[in-house]
Amino acid sequence: MFRQYVPKIGLSLERNTQNTPEPKRYYLIYKGKILSSYANEKEAMKAYKEKLQQLGHTLDPGKGKINVLEESLDRFFSAHDKYWSHSYKFRKGGKGR
């Protein structure tokens, strides 16, 4: 399943979703109507970006440049917290516990 969607303008690129008739093709969908379909992701993504430009939409740059170290640490601590919050399920009781 693949879906890239811009809700502000109603444009999406989808594959194997409830909106697509054939699961192995990529579909360019604008406001619920299928505009075109593509066999590979590269062609589909090119058409998607062209349609975005045609509609006058620019992609949000977000936070700017990503700090790789900071992202890695965030993922590490998130995984660490998740592990330890569920670790009690795997402890075995025994004599003296």
PDB file of N, CA and C in Angstrom:
ATOM      1  N   MET A   1       0.840  -1.167   0.000  1.00  0.00           N
ATOM      2  CA  MET A   1       0.000   0.000   0.000  1.00  0.00           C
ATOM      3  C   MET A   1       0.889   1.235   0.000  1.00  0.00           C
ATOM      4  N   PHE A   2       0.575   2.177  -0.868  1.00  0.00           N
ATOM      5  CA  PHE A   2       1.344   3.405  -0.998  1.00  0.00           C
ATOM      6  C   PHE A   2       0.367   4.549  -1.191  1.00  0.00           C
ATOM      7  N   ARG A   3       0.593   5.646  -0.467  1.00  0.00           N
ATOM      8  CA  ARG A   3      -0.249   6.826  -0.651  1.00  0.00           C
ATOM      9  C   ARG A   3       0.526   8.068  -0.270  1.00  0.00           C
ATOM     10  N   GLN A   4       0.589   8.998  -1.202  1.00  0.00           N
ATOM     11  CA  GLN A   4       1.172  10.303  -0.942  1.00  0.00           C
ATOM     12  C   GLN A   4       0.065  11.301  -1.255  1.00  0.00           C
ATOM     13  N   TYR A   5      -0.298  12.121  -0.275  1.00  0.00           N
ATOM     14  CA  TYR A   5      -1.512  12.924  -0.378  1.00  0.00           C
ATOM     15  C   TYR A   5      -1.294  14.345   0.118  1.00  0.00           C
ATOM     16  N   VAL A   6      -1.838  15.304  -0.615  1.00  0.00           N
ATOM     17  CA  VAL A   6      -1.816  16.699  -0.192  1.00  0.00           C
ATOM     18  C   VAL A   6      -3.274  17.093   0.042  1.00  0.00           C
ATOM     19  N   PRO A   7      -3.725  17.048   1.295  1.00  0.00           N
ATOM     20  CA  PRO A   7      -5.138  17.300   1.580  1.00  0.00           C
ATOM     21  C   PRO A   7      -5.604  18.709   1.215  1.00  0.00           C
ATOM     22  N   LYS A   8      -4.697  19.674   1.270  1.00  0.00           N
ATOM     23  CA  LYS A   8      -5.052  21.059   0.989  1.00  0.00           C
ATOM     24  C   LYS A   8      -5.633  21.228  -0.427  1.00  0.00           C
ATOM     25  N   ILE A   9      -5.085  20.464  -1.387  1.00  0.00           N
ATOM     26  CA  ILE A   9      -5.559  20.592  -2.766  1.00  0.00           C
ATOM     27  C   ILE A   9      -6.272  19.340  -3.277  1.00  0.00           C
ATOM     28  N   GLY A  10      -6.250  18.260  -2.522  1.00  0.00           N
ATOM     29  CA  GLY A  10      -6.962  17.043  -2.916  1.00  0.00           C
ATOM     30  C   GLY A  10      -6.252  16.201  -3.958  1.00  0.00           C
ATOM     31  N   LEU A  11      -4.929  16.283  -4.007  1.00  0.00           N
ATOM     32  CA  LEU A  11      -4.147  15.509  -4.970  1.00  0.00           C
ATOM     33  C   LEU A  11      -3.436  14.373  -4.258  1.00  0.00           C
ATOM     34  N   SER A  12      -3.499  13.177  -4.861  1.00  0.00           N
ATOM     35  CA  SER A  12      -2.799  12.042  -4.258  1.00  0.00           C
ATOM     36  C   SER A  12      -2.211  11.132  -5.320  1.00  0.00           C
ATOM     37  N   LEU A  13      -1.194  10.406  -4.913  1.00  0.00           N
ATOM     38  CA  LEU A  13      -0.585   9.359  -5.718  1.00  0.00           C
ATOM     39  C   LEU A  13      -0.741   8.093  -4.897  1.00  0.00           C
ATOM     40  N   GLU A  14      -1.437   7.097  -5.455  1.00  0.00           N
ATOM     41  CA  GLU A  14      -1.778   5.916  -4.670  1.00  0.00           C
ATOM     42  C   GLU A  14      -1.519   4.624  -5.436  1.00  0.00           C
ATOM     43  N   ARG A  15      -1.262   3.586  -4.652  1.00  0.00           N
ATOM     44  CA  ARG A  15      -1.099   2.233  -5.196  1.00  0.00           C
ATOM     45  C   ARG A  15      -1.642   1.253  -4.164  1.00  0.00           C
ATOM     46  N   ASN A  16      -2.474   0.354  -4.613  1.00  0.00           N
ATOM     47  CA  ASN A  16      -3.038  -0.696  -3.762  1.00  0.00           C
ATOM     48  C   ASN A  16      -3.790  -0.122  -2.552  1.00  0.00           C
ATOM     49  N   THR A  17      -4.667   0.853  -2.815  1.00  0.00           N
ATOM     50  CA  THR A  17      -5.539   1.400  -1.776  1.00  0.00           C
ATOM     51  C   THR A  17      -6.983   1.139  -2.183  1.00  0.00           C
ATOM     52  N   GLN A  18      -7.912   1.531  -1.352  1.00  0.00           N
ATOM     53  CA  GLN A  18      -9.319   1.326  -1.675  1.00  0.00           C
ATOM     54  C   GLN A  18      -9.774   2.196  -2.845  1.00  0.00           C
ATOM     55  N   ASN A  19      -9.013   3.237  -3.180  1.00  0.00           N
ATOM     56  CA  ASN A  19      -9.369   4.134  -4.279  1.00  0.00           C
ATOM     57  C   ASN A  19      -8.827   3.686  -5.632  1.00  0.00           C
ATOM     58  N   THR A  20      -8.009   2.649  -5.645  1.00  0.00           N
ATOM     59  CA  THR A  20      -7.384   2.213  -6.892  1.00  0.00           C
ATOM     60  C   THR A  20      -8.002   0.897  -7.386  1.00  0.00           C
ATOM     61  N   PRO A  21      -8.286   0.829  -8.699  1.00  0.00           N
ATOM     62  CA  PRO A  21      -8.902  -0.383  -9.230  1.00  0.00           C
ATOM     63  C   PRO A  21      -7.949  -1.575  -9.360  1.00  0.00           C
ATOM     64  N   GLU A  22      -6.691  -1.310  -9.684  1.00  0.00           N
ATOM     65  CA  GLU A  22      -5.716  -2.395  -9.874  1.00  0.00           C
ATOM     66  C   GLU A  22      -4.574  -2.211  -8.867  1.00  0.00           C
ATOM     67  N   PRO A  23      -4.240  -3.248  -8.098  1.00  0.00           N
ATOM     68  CA  PRO A  23      -3.257  -3.081  -7.019  1.00  0.00           C
ATOM     69  C   PRO A  23      -1.804  -2.871  -7.456  1.00  0.00           C
ATOM     70  N   LYS A  24      -1.447  -3.224  -8.683  1.00  0.00           N
ATOM     71  CA  LYS A  24      -0.037  -3.149  -9.078  1.00  0.00           C
ATOM     72  C   LYS A  24       0.330  -1.871  -9.818  1.00  0.00           C
ATOM     73  N   ARG A  25      -0.606  -0.940  -9.983  1.00  0.00           N
ATOM     74  CA  ARG A  25      -0.337   0.297 -10.706  1.00  0.00           C
ATOM     75  C   ARG A  25      -0.445   1.498  -9.773  1.00  0.00           C
ATOM     76  N   TYR A  26       0.232   2.566 -10.138  1.00  0.00           N
ATOM     77  CA  TYR A  26       0.170   3.827  -9.411  1.00  0.00           C
ATOM     78  C   TYR A  26      -0.872   4.711 -10.083  1.00  0.00           C
ATOM     79  N   TYR A  27      -1.698   5.351  -9.280  1.00  0.00           N
ATOM     80  CA  TYR A  27      -2.764   6.197  -9.813  1.00  0.00           C
ATOM     81  C   TYR A  27      -2.629   7.613  -9.294  1.00  0.00           C
ATOM     82  N   LEU A  28      -2.726   8.572 -10.210  1.00  0.00           N
ATOM     83  CA  LEU A  28      -2.739   9.984  -9.868  1.00  0.00           C
ATOM     84  C   LEU A  28      -4.204  10.384  -9.734  1.00  0.00           C
ATOM     85  N   ILE A  29      -4.587  10.793  -8.520  1.00  0.00           N
ATOM     86  CA  ILE A  29      -5.992  11.078  -8.222  1.00  0.00           C
ATOM     87  C   ILE A  29      -6.132  12.529  -7.765  1.00  0.00           C
ATOM     88  N   TYR A  30      -7.069  13.240  -8.405  1.00  0.00           N
ATOM     89  CA  TYR A  30      -7.321  14.636  -8.053  1.00  0.00           C
ATOM     90  C   TYR A  30      -8.785  14.800  -7.691  1.00  0.00           C
ATOM     91  N   LYS A  31      -9.038  15.166  -6.448  1.00  0.00           N
ATOM     92  CA  LYS A  31     -10.380  15.354  -5.905  1.00  0.00           C
ATOM     93  C   LYS A  31     -11.286  14.147  -6.172  1.00  0.00           C
ATOM     94  N   GLY A  32     -10.737  12.952  -5.932  1.00  0.00           N
ATOM     95  CA  GLY A  32     -11.501  11.718  -6.047  1.00  0.00           C
ATOM     96  C   GLY A  32     -11.613  11.145  -7.451  1.00  0.00           C
ATOM     97  N   LYS A  33     -11.074  11.833  -8.447  1.00  0.00           N
ATOM     98  CA  LYS A  33     -11.153  11.372  -9.834  1.00  0.00           C
ATOM     99  C   LYS A  33      -9.774  10.919 -10.312  1.00  0.00           C
ATOM    100  N   ILE A  34      -9.694   9.734 -10.899  1.00  0.00           N
ATOM    101  CA  ILE A  34      -8.426   9.204 -11.404  1.00  0.00           C
ATOM    102  C   ILE A  34      -8.042   9.948 -12.672  1.00  0.00           C
ATOM    103  N   LEU A  35      -6.876  10.583 -12.651  1.00  0.00           N
ATOM    104  CA  LEU A  35      -6.389  11.313 -13.819  1.00  0.00           C
ATOM    105  C   LEU A  35      -5.581  10.423 -14.749  1.00  0.00           C
ATOM    106  N   SER A  36      -4.715   9.586 -14.168  1.00  0.00           N
ATOM    107  CA  SER A  36      -3.871   8.704 -14.977  1.00  0.00           C
ATOM    108  C   SER A  36      -3.304   7.583 -14.114  1.00  0.00           C
ATOM    109  N   SER A  37      -2.742   6.576 -14.785  1.00  0.00           N
ATOM    110  CA  SER A  37      -2.123   5.466 -14.066  1.00  0.00           C
ATOM    111  C   SER A  37      -0.743   5.191 -14.654  1.00  0.00           C
ATOM    112  N   TYR A  38       0.125   4.630 -13.823  1.00  0.00           N
ATOM    113  CA  TYR A  38       1.513   4.391 -14.213  1.00  0.00           C
ATOM    114  C   TYR A  38       1.968   3.022 -13.723  1.00  0.00           C
ATOM    115  N   ALA A  39       2.848   2.416 -14.515  1.00  0.00           N
ATOM    116  CA  ALA A  39       3.353   1.085 -14.169  1.00  0.00           C
ATOM    117  C   ALA A  39       4.478   1.146 -13.142  1.00  0.00           C
ATOM    118  N   ASN A  40       5.274   2.231 -13.161  1.00  0.00           N
ATOM    119  CA  ASN A  40       6.377   2.294 -12.187  1.00  0.00           C
ATOM    120  C   ASN A  40       6.338   3.591 -11.381  1.00  0.00           C
ATOM    121  N   GLU A  41       6.989   3.557 -10.251  1.00  0.00           N
ATOM    122  CA  GLU A  41       6.947   4.662  -9.292  1.00  0.00           C
ATOM    123  C   GLU A  41       7.647   5.913  -9.818  1.00  0.00           C
ATOM    124  N   LYS A  42       8.713   5.743 -10.565  1.00  0.00           N
ATOM    125  CA  LYS A  42       9.478   6.889 -11.058  1.00  0.00           C
ATOM    126  C   LYS A  42       8.624   7.780 -11.966  1.00  0.00           C
ATOM    127  N   GLU A  43       7.929   7.175 -12.921  1.00  0.00           N
ATOM    128  CA  GLU A  43       7.054   7.933 -13.825  1.00  0.00           C
ATOM    129  C   GLU A  43       5.909   8.578 -13.056  1.00  0.00           C
ATOM    130  N   ALA A  44       5.335   7.820 -12.128  1.00  0.00           N
ATOM    131  CA  ALA A  44       4.207   8.310 -11.346  1.00  0.00           C
ATOM    132  C   ALA A  44       4.610   9.515 -10.496  1.00  0.00           C
ATOM    133  N   MET A  45       5.771   9.446  -9.865  1.00  0.00           N
ATOM    134  CA  MET A  45       6.242  10.534  -9.020  1.00  0.00           C
ATOM    135  C   MET A  45       6.530  11.787  -9.851  1.00  0.00           C
ATOM    136  N   LYS A  46       7.056  11.588 -11.046  1.00  0.00           N
ATOM    137  CA  LYS A  46       7.321  12.712 -11.941  1.00  0.00           C
ATOM    138  C   LYS A  46       6.006  13.413 -12.302  1.00  0.00           C
ATOM    139  N   ALA A  47       4.995  12.643 -12.661  1.00  0.00           N
ATOM    140  CA  ALA A  47       3.686  13.205 -13.006  1.00  0.00           C
ATOM    141  C   ALA A  47       3.049  13.893 -11.806  1.00  0.00           C
ATOM    142  N   TYR A  48       3.209  13.316 -10.638  1.00  0.00           N
ATOM    143  CA  TYR A  48       2.665  13.887  -9.396  1.00  0.00           C
ATOM    144  C   TYR A  48       3.276  15.257  -9.128  1.00  0.00           C
ATOM    145  N   LYS A  49       4.588  15.355  -9.244  1.00  0.00           N
ATOM    146  CA  LYS A  49       5.271  16.626  -9.000  1.00  0.00           C
ATOM    147  C   LYS A  49       4.901  17.673 -10.048  1.00  0.00           C
ATOM    148  N   GLU A  50       4.751  17.233 -11.311  1.00  0.00           N
ATOM    149  CA  GLU A  50       4.330  18.157 -12.371  1.00  0.00           C
ATOM    150  C   GLU A  50       2.931  18.698 -12.096  1.00  0.00           C
ATOM    151  N   LYS A  51       2.031  17.834 -11.644  1.00  0.00           N
ATOM    152  CA  LYS A  51       0.662  18.254 -11.344  1.00  0.00           C
ATOM    153  C   LYS A  51       0.657  19.222 -10.156  1.00  0.00           C
ATOM    154  N   LEU A  52       1.498  18.970  -9.163  1.00  0.00           N
ATOM    155  CA  LEU A  52       1.617  19.891  -8.034  1.00  0.00           C
ATOM    156  C   LEU A  52       2.047  21.272  -8.510  1.00  0.00           C
ATOM    157  N   GLN A  53       3.026  21.312  -9.405  1.00  0.00           N
ATOM    158  CA  GLN A  53       3.502  22.586  -9.948  1.00  0.00           C
ATOM    159  C   GLN A  53       2.391  23.267 -10.747  1.00  0.00           C
ATOM    160  N   GLN A  54       1.684  22.481 -11.542  1.00  0.00           N
ATOM    161  CA  GLN A  54       0.607  23.007 -12.376  1.00  0.00           C
ATOM    162  C   GLN A  54      -0.498  23.637 -11.518  1.00  0.00           C
ATOM    163  N   LEU A  55      -0.766  23.038 -10.377  1.00  0.00           N
ATOM    164  CA  LEU A  55      -1.791  23.554  -9.481  1.00  0.00           C
ATOM    165  C   LEU A  55      -1.273  24.704  -8.606  1.00  0.00           C
ATOM    166  N   GLY A  56       0.023  24.995  -8.709  1.00  0.00           N
ATOM    167  CA  GLY A  56       0.610  26.100  -7.972  1.00  0.00           C
ATOM    168  C   GLY A  56       0.922  25.793  -6.522  1.00  0.00           C
ATOM    169  N   HIS A  57       1.067  24.531  -6.199  1.00  0.00           N
ATOM    170  CA  HIS A  57       1.366  24.131  -4.825  1.00  0.00           C
ATOM    171  C   HIS A  57       2.855  23.864  -4.684  1.00  0.00           C
ATOM    172  N   THR A  58       3.438  24.401  -3.616  1.00  0.00           N
ATOM    173  CA  THR A  58       4.840  24.113  -3.334  1.00  0.00           C
ATOM    174  C   THR A  58       4.905  23.219  -2.108  1.00  0.00           C
ATOM    175  N   LEU A  59       5.844  22.307  -2.098  1.00  0.00           N
ATOM    176  CA  LEU A  59       6.001  21.395  -0.980  1.00  0.00           C
ATOM    177  C   LEU A  59       6.555  22.158   0.218  1.00  0.00           C
ATOM    178  N   ASP A  60       6.017  21.881   1.387  1.00  0.00           N
ATOM    179  CA  ASP A  60       6.450  22.533   2.616  1.00  0.00           C
ATOM    180  C   ASP A  60       7.839  22.037   2.990  1.00  0.00           C
ATOM    181  N   PRO A  61       8.801  22.926   3.135  1.00  0.00           N
ATOM    182  CA  PRO A  61      10.145  22.482   3.467  1.00  0.00           C
ATOM    183  C   PRO A  61      10.279  21.908   4.865  1.00  0.00           C
ATOM    184  N   GLY A  62       9.295  22.110   5.713  1.00  0.00           N
ATOM    185  CA  GLY A  62       9.344  21.544   7.060  1.00  0.00           C
ATOM    186  C   GLY A  62      10.331  22.275   7.946  1.00  0.00           C
ATOM    187  N   LYS A  63      11.066  21.524   8.739  1.00  0.00           N
ATOM    188  CA  LYS A  63      12.006  22.108   9.688  1.00  0.00           C
ATOM    189  C   LYS A  63      13.296  22.580   9.023  1.00  0.00           C
ATOM    190  N   GLY A  64      13.474  22.255   7.795  1.00  0.00           N
ATOM    191  CA  GLY A  64      14.726  22.591   7.132  1.00  0.00           C
ATOM    192  C   GLY A  64      15.645  21.383   7.139  1.00  0.00           C
ATOM    193  N   LYS A  65      16.914  21.624   7.354  1.00  0.00           N
ATOM    194  CA  LYS A  65      17.879  20.547   7.346  1.00  0.00           C
ATOM    195  C   LYS A  65      17.708  19.647   8.572  1.00  0.00           C
ATOM    196  N   ILE A  66      17.789  18.356   8.355  1.00  0.00           N
ATOM    197  CA  ILE A  66      17.608  17.387   9.436  1.00  0.00           C
ATOM    198  C   ILE A  66      18.943  17.124  10.123  1.00  0.00           C
ATOM    199  N   ASN A  67      18.929  17.170  11.439  1.00  0.00           N
ATOM    200  CA  ASN A  67      20.102  16.842  12.221  1.00  0.00           C
ATOM    201  C   ASN A  67      20.081  15.328  12.448  1.00  0.00           C
ATOM    202  N   VAL A  68      20.954  14.621  11.760  1.00  0.00           N
ATOM    203  CA  VAL A  68      20.958  13.162  11.787  1.00  0.00           C
ATOM    204  C   VAL A  68      21.220  12.615  13.185  1.00  0.00           C
ATOM    205  N   LEU A  69      22.133  13.200  13.906  1.00  0.00           N
ATOM    206  CA  LEU A  69      22.447  12.737  15.256  1.00  0.00           C
ATOM    207  C   LEU A  69      21.235  12.899  16.169  1.00  0.00           C
ATOM    208  N   GLU A  70      20.589  14.039  16.081  1.00  0.00           N
ATOM    209  CA  GLU A  70      19.413  14.303  16.913  1.00  0.00           C
ATOM    210  C   GLU A  70      18.279  13.316  16.596  1.00  0.00           C
ATOM    211  N   GLU A  71      18.054  13.064  15.300  1.00  0.00           N
ATOM    212  CA  GLU A  71      17.016  12.110  14.891  1.00  0.00           C
ATOM    213  C   GLU A  71      17.337  10.708  15.401  1.00  0.00           C
ATOM    214  N   SER A  72      18.609  10.312  15.309  1.00  0.00           N
ATOM    215  CA  SER A  72      19.022   8.991  15.777  1.00  0.00           C
ATOM    216  C   SER A  72      18.808   8.852  17.282  1.00  0.00           C
ATOM    217  N   LEU A  73      19.171   9.872  18.021  1.00  0.00           N
ATOM    218  CA  LEU A  73      18.987   9.831  19.473  1.00  0.00           C
ATOM    219  C   LEU A  73      17.501   9.782  19.844  1.00  0.00           C
ATOM    220  N   ASP A  74      16.685  10.534  19.123  1.00  0.00           N
ATOM    221  CA  ASP A  74      15.242  10.501  19.385  1.00  0.00           C
ATOM    222  C   ASP A  74      14.687   9.099  19.163  1.00  0.00           C
ATOM    223  N   ARG A  75      15.101   8.461  18.058  1.00  0.00           N
ATOM    224  CA  ARG A  75      14.638   7.092  17.780  1.00  0.00           C
ATOM    225  C   ARG A  75      15.137   6.116  18.844  1.00  0.00           C
ATOM    226  N   PHE A  76      16.401   6.277  19.258  1.00  0.00           N
ATOM    227  CA  PHE A  76      16.974   5.392  20.275  1.00  0.00           C
ATOM    228  C   PHE A  76      16.211   5.495  21.587  1.00  0.00           C
ATOM    229  N   PHE A  77      16.000   6.721  22.068  1.00  0.00           N
ATOM    230  CA  PHE A  77      15.317   6.887  23.349  1.00  0.00           C
ATOM    231  C   PHE A  77      13.853   6.466  23.273  1.00  0.00           C
ATOM    232  N   SER A  78      13.239   6.648  22.131  1.00  0.00           N
ATOM    233  CA  SER A  78      11.859   6.201  21.952  1.00  0.00           C
ATOM    234  C   SER A  78      11.783   4.675  22.050  1.00  0.00           C
ATOM    235  N   ALA A  79      12.705   3.997  21.360  1.00  0.00           N
ATOM    236  CA  ALA A  79      12.749   2.530  21.413  1.00  0.00           C
ATOM    237  C   ALA A  79      13.093   2.052  22.822  1.00  0.00           C
ATOM    238  N   HIS A  80      14.012   2.738  23.479  1.00  0.00           N
ATOM    239  CA  HIS A  80      14.417   2.405  24.838  1.00  0.00           C
ATOM    240  C   HIS A  80      13.226   2.483  25.789  1.00  0.00           C
ATOM    241  N   ASP A  81      12.489   3.585  25.716  1.00  0.00           N
ATOM    242  CA  ASP A  81      11.319   3.766  26.585  1.00  0.00           C
ATOM    243  C   ASP A  81      10.247   2.719  26.309  1.00  0.00           C
ATOM    244  N   LYS A  82      10.045   2.430  25.032  1.00  0.00           N
ATOM    245  CA  LYS A  82       9.032   1.435  24.668  1.00  0.00           C
ATOM    246  C   LYS A  82       9.423   0.054  25.199  1.00  0.00           C
ATOM    247  N   TYR A  83      10.689  -0.301  25.047  1.00  0.00           N
ATOM    248  CA  TYR A  83      11.165  -1.596  25.543  1.00  0.00           C
ATOM    249  C   TYR A  83      10.946  -1.722  27.040  1.00  0.00           C
ATOM    250  N   TRP A  84      11.408  -0.735  27.803  1.00  0.00           N
ATOM    251  CA  TRP A  84      11.328  -0.839  29.251  1.00  0.00           C
ATOM    252  C   TRP A  84       9.903  -0.697  29.773  1.00  0.00           C
ATOM    253  N   SER A  85       9.033  -0.045  29.033  1.00  0.00           N
ATOM    254  CA  SER A  85       7.643   0.062  29.487  1.00  0.00           C
ATOM    255  C   SER A  85       6.891  -1.261  29.328  1.00  0.00           C
ATOM    256  N   HIS A  86       7.408  -2.147  28.457  1.00  0.00           N
ATOM    257  CA  HIS A  86       6.766  -3.446  28.241  1.00  0.00           C
ATOM    258  C   HIS A  86       7.582  -4.614  28.792  1.00  0.00           C
ATOM    259  N   SER A  87       8.727  -4.344  29.387  1.00  0.00           N
ATOM    260  CA  SER A  87       9.620  -5.421  29.810  1.00  0.00           C
ATOM    261  C   SER A  87       9.050  -6.267  30.945  1.00  0.00           C
ATOM    262  N   TYR A  88       8.163  -5.691  31.751  1.00  0.00           N
ATOM    263  CA  TYR A  88       7.604  -6.456  32.863  1.00  0.00           C
ATOM    264  C   TYR A  88       6.846  -7.694  32.369  1.00  0.00           C
ATOM    265  N   LYS A  89       6.379  -7.659  31.143  1.00  0.00           N
ATOM    266  CA  LYS A  89       5.627  -8.796  30.584  1.00  0.00           C
ATOM    267  C   LYS A  89       6.516 -10.027  30.399  1.00  0.00           C
ATOM    268  N   PHE A  90       7.818  -9.799  30.271  1.00  0.00           N
ATOM    269  CA  PHE A  90       8.720 -10.890  29.962  1.00  0.00           C
ATOM    270  C   PHE A  90       9.542 -11.384  31.150  1.00  0.00           C
ATOM    271  N   ARG A  91       9.357 -10.773  32.287  1.00  0.00           N
ATOM    272  CA  ARG A  91      10.081 -11.206  33.478  1.00  0.00           C
ATOM    273  C   ARG A  91       9.435 -12.461  34.049  1.00  0.00           C
ATOM    274  N   LYS A  92      10.261 -13.324  34.509  1.00  0.00           N
ATOM    275  CA  LYS A  92       9.757 -14.561  35.129  1.00  0.00           C
ATOM    276  C   LYS A  92       9.918 -14.445  36.641  1.00  0.00           C
ATOM    277  N   GLY A  93       8.885 -14.841  37.320  1.00  0.00           N
ATOM    278  CA  GLY A  93       8.965 -14.862  38.776  1.00  0.00           C
ATOM    279  C   GLY A  93       9.768 -16.083  39.206  1.00  0.00           C
ATOM    280  N   GLY A  94      10.168 -16.117  40.366  1.00  0.00           N
ATOM    281  CA  GLY A  94      10.913 -17.256  40.851  1.00  0.00           C
ATOM    282  C   GLY A  94      10.995 -17.217  42.363  1.00  0.00           C
ATOM    283  N   LYS A  95      11.796 -18.089  42.877  1.00  0.00           N
ATOM    284  CA  LYS A  95      11.969 -18.151  44.307  1.00  0.00           C
ATOM    285  C   LYS A  95      12.559 -16.833  44.808  1.00  0.00           C
ATOM    286  N   GLY A  96      11.931 -16.295  45.805  1.00  0.00           N
ATOM    287  CA  GLY A  96      12.428 -15.059  46.368  1.00  0.00           C
ATOM    288  C   GLY A  96      11.820 -13.822  45.716  1.00  0.00           C
ATOM    289  N   ARG A  97      10.946 -13.994  44.776  1.00  0.00           N
ATOM    290  CA  ARG A  97      10.317 -12.827  44.139  1.00  0.00           C
ATOM    291  C   ARG A  97       8.932 -12.633  44.589  1.00  0.00           C
TER     292      ARG A  97
END
